[in-house]
Amino acid sequence: MRRTPTLFAGFATCLLAGALSVLPAVAQEEGEPPTTAGFDDSFLPGFLTAGGALDAPAPDVVITGRLGINVSPAYFGSDDYELGPNGSIRFDYIRFPNGFEFGSGQAVGFRTGWGLRGSVRYIGDRVSKDYDELDGMENVHWAMEAGLGIGYEERNYRFFADMRYGFFGHDSFVGDLGADAIAYPIDGLTLTLGPRISLGSDRFANTYFGVSSSEAVTSDFNAYDASGGVLGAGMTLGARYLLNERWGIEGAATYDRLMNDAADSPITKAGSADQYSFTIGLTRRIGLDF
């Protein structure tokens, strides 16, 4: 599925404008987490409804899982866009044997104070023959990144830092830094808006933005050795709607500007340093008792 950056720029701009219009009015509100929409999930299989295997009465661990779809660049630095599956896992609460606690076991995706974060990302294959501009480049195999992060969250703001290690595709470390303002314009709806910074090691940068000497012979690109560090920065607008205490719907519109060696790469110059994405999915709160 191909889309132009202009389409996503306009979409993200409209969403950001809407979020900014409500943030000042609600940013100072205090109280409990937003109420839910009262969704009745009794028609679902028993293990997915309240009191099932995924809902321990006094959980030691609470995570929120999301499954959905994502529209994003075909590869890092591309100006072609593709539709694909998307998922995430977030740690909302953990209680250690000594009684020490992180996070909150309340509604889907809500926590207060310090908390651990599970961070997972899948990066698909980059198959050079599928893109004319990459003709002569070596393929990059798919990668699964997994790691942990830590964050601090209150009702109207949060900040976090995540680190992941990528297996199979790039075998290197990446990270994200971010912060959000949080607003609750109507019951059940939470809006977030804030900056993001993307980090990557030398190996990660070279895998996706570098051009080897042999590739320079077989492709239209000059040899390029990409160094790691800050590889991108941007903004993310998120929306979460609580159907009930277990289920929710989440979406996000993201703009990222590739920077430093990622932006200077001949691969990016053949595509675009402006990267847009849109994600939407169904979430489920899972409480486990160990």
Protein backbone atom coordinates (compact mmCIF):
# COMPACT_ATOMS: atom_id res chain seq x y z
CA MET A 1 0.00 0.00 0.00
CA ARG A 2 1.56 3.30 -1.11
CA ARG A 3 0.79 6.72 0.32
CA THR A 4 2.43 10.12 -0.06
CA PRO A 5 3.88 12.01 2.93
CA THR A 6 1.55 14.91 2.16
CA LEU A 7 -1.49 12.80 3.02
CA PHE A 8 -0.13 11.90 6.44
CA ALA A 9 1.17 15.39 7.10
CA GLY A 10 -2.32 16.79 6.59
CA PHE A 11 -3.92 14.07 8.70
CA ALA A 12 -1.45 14.49 11.55
CA THR A 13 -1.79 18.28 11.43
CA CYS A 14 -5.57 18.07 11.82
CA LEU A 15 -5.28 15.69 14.76
CA LEU A 16 -2.61 17.80 16.44
CA ALA A 17 -4.73 20.93 16.05
CA GLY A 18 -7.68 19.18 17.69
CA ALA A 19 -5.57 17.98 20.58
CA LEU A 20 -4.01 21.37 21.17
CA SER A 21 -7.45 22.98 21.28
CA VAL A 22 -8.48 20.89 24.29
CA LEU A 23 -5.20 20.59 26.20
CA PRO A 24 -5.31 24.03 27.88
CA ALA A 25 -8.88 23.49 29.09
CA VAL A 26 -8.28 20.14 30.74
CA ALA A 27 -4.60 20.13 31.67
CA GLN A 28 -5.26 21.23 35.26
CA GLU A 29 -8.07 18.80 36.01
CA GLU A 30 -7.45 16.52 38.99
CA GLY A 31 -9.02 13.28 40.16
CA GLU A 32 -9.21 9.62 39.27
CA PRO A 33 -8.49 8.01 35.88
CA PRO A 34 -11.09 8.65 33.15
CA THR A 35 -14.25 6.60 33.37
CA THR A 36 -14.94 3.93 30.78
CA ALA A 37 -17.64 3.68 28.13
CA GLY A 38 -19.27 0.68 29.83
CA PHE A 39 -18.67 -1.78 26.99
CA ASP A 40 -20.32 -5.20 27.63
CA ASP A 41 -17.86 -7.93 26.63
CA SER A 42 -19.95 -10.86 27.91
CA PHE A 43 -20.41 -12.19 24.36
CA LEU A 44 -16.67 -12.99 24.14
CA PRO A 45 -15.11 -16.35 25.13
CA GLY A 46 -14.94 -16.77 28.91
CA PHE A 47 -11.17 -16.38 29.22
CA LEU A 48 -11.42 -12.89 27.64
CA THR A 49 -14.19 -11.58 29.92
CA ALA A 50 -14.02 -10.34 33.51
CA GLY A 51 -12.84 -12.94 35.99
CA GLY A 52 -11.24 -15.14 33.32
CA ALA A 53 -7.69 -16.46 33.19
CA LEU A 54 -6.41 -13.02 32.17
CA ASP A 55 -7.93 -11.21 35.17
CA ALA A 56 -6.39 -12.25 38.48
CA PRO A 57 -8.32 -10.67 41.41
CA ALA A 58 -5.10 -9.39 43.03
CA PRO A 59 -2.57 -9.36 40.17
CA ASP A 60 1.17 -9.19 40.71
CA VAL A 61 1.73 -8.07 37.13
CA VAL A 62 -0.53 -5.98 34.89
CA ILE A 63 0.32 -5.53 31.22
CA THR A 64 -1.58 -3.98 28.34
CA GLY A 65 -1.30 -5.69 24.97
CA ARG A 66 -2.31 -4.12 21.66
CA LEU A 67 -2.98 -5.70 18.26
CA GLY A 68 -3.82 -3.59 15.25
CA ILE A 69 -2.63 -2.16 11.95
CA ASN A 70 -0.04 0.42 11.00
CA VAL A 71 0.64 2.62 7.97
CA SER A 72 4.30 3.63 7.86
CA PRO A 73 7.27 4.12 5.51
CA ALA A 74 8.19 1.01 3.53
CA TYR A 75 11.68 1.21 5.06
CA PHE A 76 13.69 3.77 7.03
CA GLY A 77 14.14 6.85 4.83
CA SER A 78 11.54 5.79 2.25
CA ASP A 79 8.87 8.04 0.78
CA ASP A 80 6.68 5.01 -0.03
CA TYR A 81 4.09 3.92 2.57
CA GLU A 82 2.76 0.45 3.35
CA LEU A 83 -0.01 -1.09 5.47
CA GLY A 84 0.88 -3.89 7.87
CA PRO A 85 0.11 -5.53 11.25
CA ASN A 86 1.21 -3.86 14.46
CA GLY A 87 1.38 -4.83 18.11
CA SER A 88 2.81 -3.72 21.45
CA ILE A 89 3.19 -4.80 25.07
CA ARG A 90 3.24 -2.28 27.93
CA PHE A 91 3.95 -3.01 31.60
CA ASP A 92 1.46 -1.04 33.71
CA TYR A 93 2.08 -2.56 37.14
CA ILE A 94 4.38 -5.02 38.94
CA ARG A 95 4.51 -6.08 42.58
CA PHE A 96 7.69 -7.71 43.83
CA PRO A 97 7.76 -10.45 46.53
CA ASN A 98 8.94 -7.94 49.15
CA GLY A 99 5.81 -5.84 48.50
CA PHE A 100 7.55 -3.09 46.50
CA GLU A 101 5.33 -1.83 43.65
CA PHE A 102 5.79 -0.07 40.33
CA GLY A 103 2.96 1.56 38.40
CA SER A 104 -0.81 1.19 38.72
CA GLY A 105 -3.16 -1.77 38.27
CA GLN A 106 -6.15 0.42 37.45
CA ALA A 107 -7.86 0.92 34.06
CA VAL A 108 -6.38 -0.05 30.71
CA GLY A 109 -3.19 1.86 30.12
CA PHE A 110 -3.36 4.10 33.20
CA ARG A 111 -0.69 4.20 35.87
CA THR A 112 0.80 6.70 38.29
CA GLY A 113 4.33 7.15 39.56
CA TRP A 114 7.34 5.22 38.36
CA GLY A 115 6.78 2.12 36.25
CA LEU A 116 8.56 -0.41 34.09
CA ARG A 117 7.76 -0.53 30.38
CA GLY A 118 7.98 -3.47 28.03
CA SER A 119 9.21 -2.28 24.66
CA VAL A 120 8.85 -4.41 21.51
CA ARG A 121 9.17 -3.48 17.82
CA TYR A 122 9.08 -5.53 14.63
CA ILE A 123 10.94 -4.27 11.55
CA GLY A 124 10.07 -5.99 8.31
CA ASP A 125 12.38 -7.14 5.52
CA ARG A 126 13.89 -4.57 3.21
CA VAL A 127 13.88 -6.42 -0.11
CA SER A 128 15.83 -4.31 -2.59
CA LYS A 129 14.17 -5.68 -5.75
CA ASP A 130 10.83 -4.32 -4.51
CA TYR A 131 12.05 -0.72 -4.79
CA ASP A 132 13.68 0.72 -7.91
CA GLU A 133 15.80 3.17 -5.92
CA LEU A 134 17.40 0.31 -3.95
CA ASP A 135 18.39 -1.75 -6.97
CA GLY A 136 21.82 -3.27 -6.32
CA MET A 137 21.62 -2.96 -2.53
CA GLU A 138 21.75 -6.02 -0.30
CA ASN A 139 18.54 -7.16 1.40
CA VAL A 140 18.05 -6.48 5.10
CA HIS A 141 16.34 -9.29 6.99
CA TRP A 142 13.46 -8.71 9.38
CA ALA A 143 14.27 -7.85 12.98
CA MET A 144 12.49 -8.29 16.28
CA GLU A 145 13.47 -5.77 18.93
CA ALA A 146 12.69 -6.40 22.59
CA GLY A 147 13.67 -4.56 25.74
CA LEU A 148 12.60 -2.61 28.77
CA GLY A 149 12.13 0.98 29.73
CA ILE A 150 11.25 3.10 32.70
CA GLY A 151 8.80 5.96 32.92
CA TYR A 152 7.06 8.30 35.30
CA GLU A 153 3.38 9.13 34.85
CA GLU A 154 0.85 11.35 36.56
CA ARG A 155 -2.64 12.33 35.50
CA ASN A 156 -1.57 15.16 33.17
CA TYR A 157 1.96 14.27 32.08
CA ARG A 158 4.51 11.49 31.65
CA PHE A 159 8.07 10.92 30.48
CA PHE A 160 9.94 7.73 29.61
CA ALA A 161 13.08 6.10 28.25
CA ASP A 162 13.14 2.74 26.44
CA MET A 163 16.00 0.52 25.27
CA ARG A 164 15.71 -2.50 22.96
CA TYR A 165 18.01 -5.03 21.35
CA GLY A 166 17.29 -6.16 17.82
CA PHE A 167 17.58 -9.82 16.93
CA PHE A 168 18.15 -11.31 13.45
CA GLY A 169 17.97 -8.13 11.35
CA HIS A 170 20.48 -5.78 12.88
CA ASP A 171 21.77 -7.29 16.17
CA SER A 172 22.23 -3.93 17.85
CA PHE A 173 20.79 -1.53 20.42
CA VAL A 174 18.20 1.18 19.85
CA GLY A 175 16.33 3.49 22.20
CA ASP A 176 13.60 6.09 22.50
CA LEU A 177 13.15 9.12 24.74
CA GLY A 178 9.78 10.81 25.07
CA ALA A 179 7.37 12.94 27.09
CA ASP A 180 3.64 13.69 26.83
CA ALA A 181 1.02 16.11 28.03
CA ILE A 182 -2.18 14.17 28.86
CA ALA A 183 -5.77 15.39 28.53
CA TYR A 184 -9.25 13.91 29.14
CA PRO A 185 -11.77 15.83 27.00
CA ILE A 186 -14.69 13.37 27.47
CA ASP A 187 -15.42 10.28 29.57
CA GLY A 188 -13.36 7.33 28.42
CA LEU A 189 -11.09 9.32 26.08
CA THR A 190 -7.45 10.15 26.78
CA LEU A 191 -5.32 12.29 24.44
CA THR A 192 -1.53 12.52 24.62
CA LEU A 193 0.85 14.82 22.77
CA GLY A 194 4.59 15.09 23.07
CA PRO A 195 8.09 14.93 21.57
CA ARG A 196 10.13 11.84 20.72
CA ILE A 197 13.85 11.25 20.15
CA SER A 198 15.10 8.08 18.43
CA LEU A 199 18.54 6.64 19.17
CA GLY A 200 20.55 3.89 17.52
CA SER A 201 23.99 2.34 17.70
CA ASP A 202 26.58 2.49 14.89
CA ARG A 203 25.60 -0.99 13.76
CA PHE A 204 21.91 -0.10 13.59
CA ALA A 205 22.65 3.08 11.63
CA ASN A 206 24.90 1.24 9.17
CA THR A 207 22.36 -1.56 8.67
CA TYR A 208 19.58 0.78 7.54
CA PHE A 209 21.39 3.90 6.32
CA GLY A 210 24.87 2.75 5.33
CA VAL A 211 26.14 1.80 1.87
CA SER A 212 29.04 -0.68 1.74
CA SER A 213 31.83 -0.46 -0.82
CA SER A 214 30.45 -3.49 -2.65
CA GLU A 215 26.95 -1.98 -2.71
CA ALA A 216 28.40 1.24 -4.11
CA VAL A 217 29.59 -0.78 -7.12
CA THR A 218 26.25 -2.49 -7.78
CA SER A 219 23.88 0.38 -6.90
CA ASP A 220 23.44 4.06 -7.75
CA PHE A 221 24.68 5.11 -4.28
CA ASN A 222 28.13 6.20 -3.18
CA ALA A 223 29.72 4.33 -0.28
CA TYR A 224 28.50 5.70 3.05
CA ASP A 225 29.47 4.78 6.61
CA ALA A 226 26.65 5.80 8.97
CA SER A 227 27.36 6.47 12.65
CA GLY A 228 24.85 6.04 15.47
CA GLY A 229 23.52 8.48 18.04
CA VAL A 230 20.41 10.61 17.66
CA LEU A 231 18.87 9.41 14.41
CA GLY A 232 15.50 11.14 14.52
CA ALA A 233 13.19 13.47 16.43
CA GLY A 234 9.53 14.26 16.13
CA MET A 235 6.08 14.38 17.72
CA THR A 236 3.41 11.81 18.52
CA LEU A 237 -0.30 12.40 19.06
CA GLY A 238 -2.01 9.48 20.77
CA ALA A 239 -5.63 8.70 21.58
CA ARG A 240 -6.98 5.98 23.89
CA TYR A 241 -10.65 5.16 24.43
CA LEU A 242 -11.58 2.86 27.32
CA LEU A 243 -14.39 0.48 26.41
CA ASN A 244 -14.32 -0.96 29.94
CA GLU A 245 -11.72 -1.77 32.62
CA ARG A 246 -10.20 -4.44 30.37
CA TRP A 247 -10.64 -3.36 26.77
CA GLY A 248 -9.69 -0.22 24.91
CA ILE A 249 -8.92 1.25 21.50
CA GLU A 250 -5.65 3.07 20.88
CA GLY A 251 -4.40 5.09 17.95
CA ALA A 252 -1.42 7.32 17.24
CA ALA A 253 -0.25 9.69 14.50
CA THR A 254 3.51 10.26 14.44
CA TYR A 255 5.86 12.60 12.60
CA ASP A 256 9.58 11.86 12.72
CA ARG A 257 12.40 13.82 11.09
CA LEU A 258 15.51 11.78 10.41
CA MET A 259 18.64 13.53 11.67
CA ASN A 260 22.43 13.43 11.52
CA ASP A 261 23.86 10.43 9.62
CA ALA A 262 20.37 9.01 9.05
CA ALA A 263 19.32 12.20 7.24
CA ASP A 264 22.60 12.48 5.30
CA SER A 265 22.42 8.91 4.02
CA PRO A 266 22.09 8.57 0.22
CA ILE A 267 19.24 6.11 0.93
CA THR A 268 17.30 8.86 2.70
CA LYS A 269 18.18 11.45 0.06
CA ALA A 270 16.61 9.14 -2.54
CA GLY A 271 13.48 9.02 -0.39
CA SER A 272 12.58 11.45 2.41
CA ALA A 273 13.84 12.48 5.83
CA ASP A 274 10.22 13.24 6.82
CA GLN A 275 8.62 10.06 8.14
CA TYR A 276 4.92 9.74 9.02
CA SER A 277 2.98 6.85 10.51
CA PHE A 278 -0.51 6.05 11.75
CA THR A 279 -1.42 3.18 14.09
CA ILE A 280 -4.72 1.92 15.48
CA GLY A 281 -5.46 -1.20 17.49
CA LEU A 282 -7.49 -2.98 20.15
CA THR A 283 -5.98 -3.22 23.64
CA ARG A 284 -6.55 -5.71 26.47
CA ARG A 285 -5.52 -5.32 30.11
CA ILE A 286 -4.03 -8.58 31.44
CA GLY A 287 -3.62 -9.19 35.16
CA LEU A 288 -1.49 -12.15 36.27
CA ASP A 289 -0.98 -13.54 39.76
CA PHE A 290 2.32 -15.28 40.50
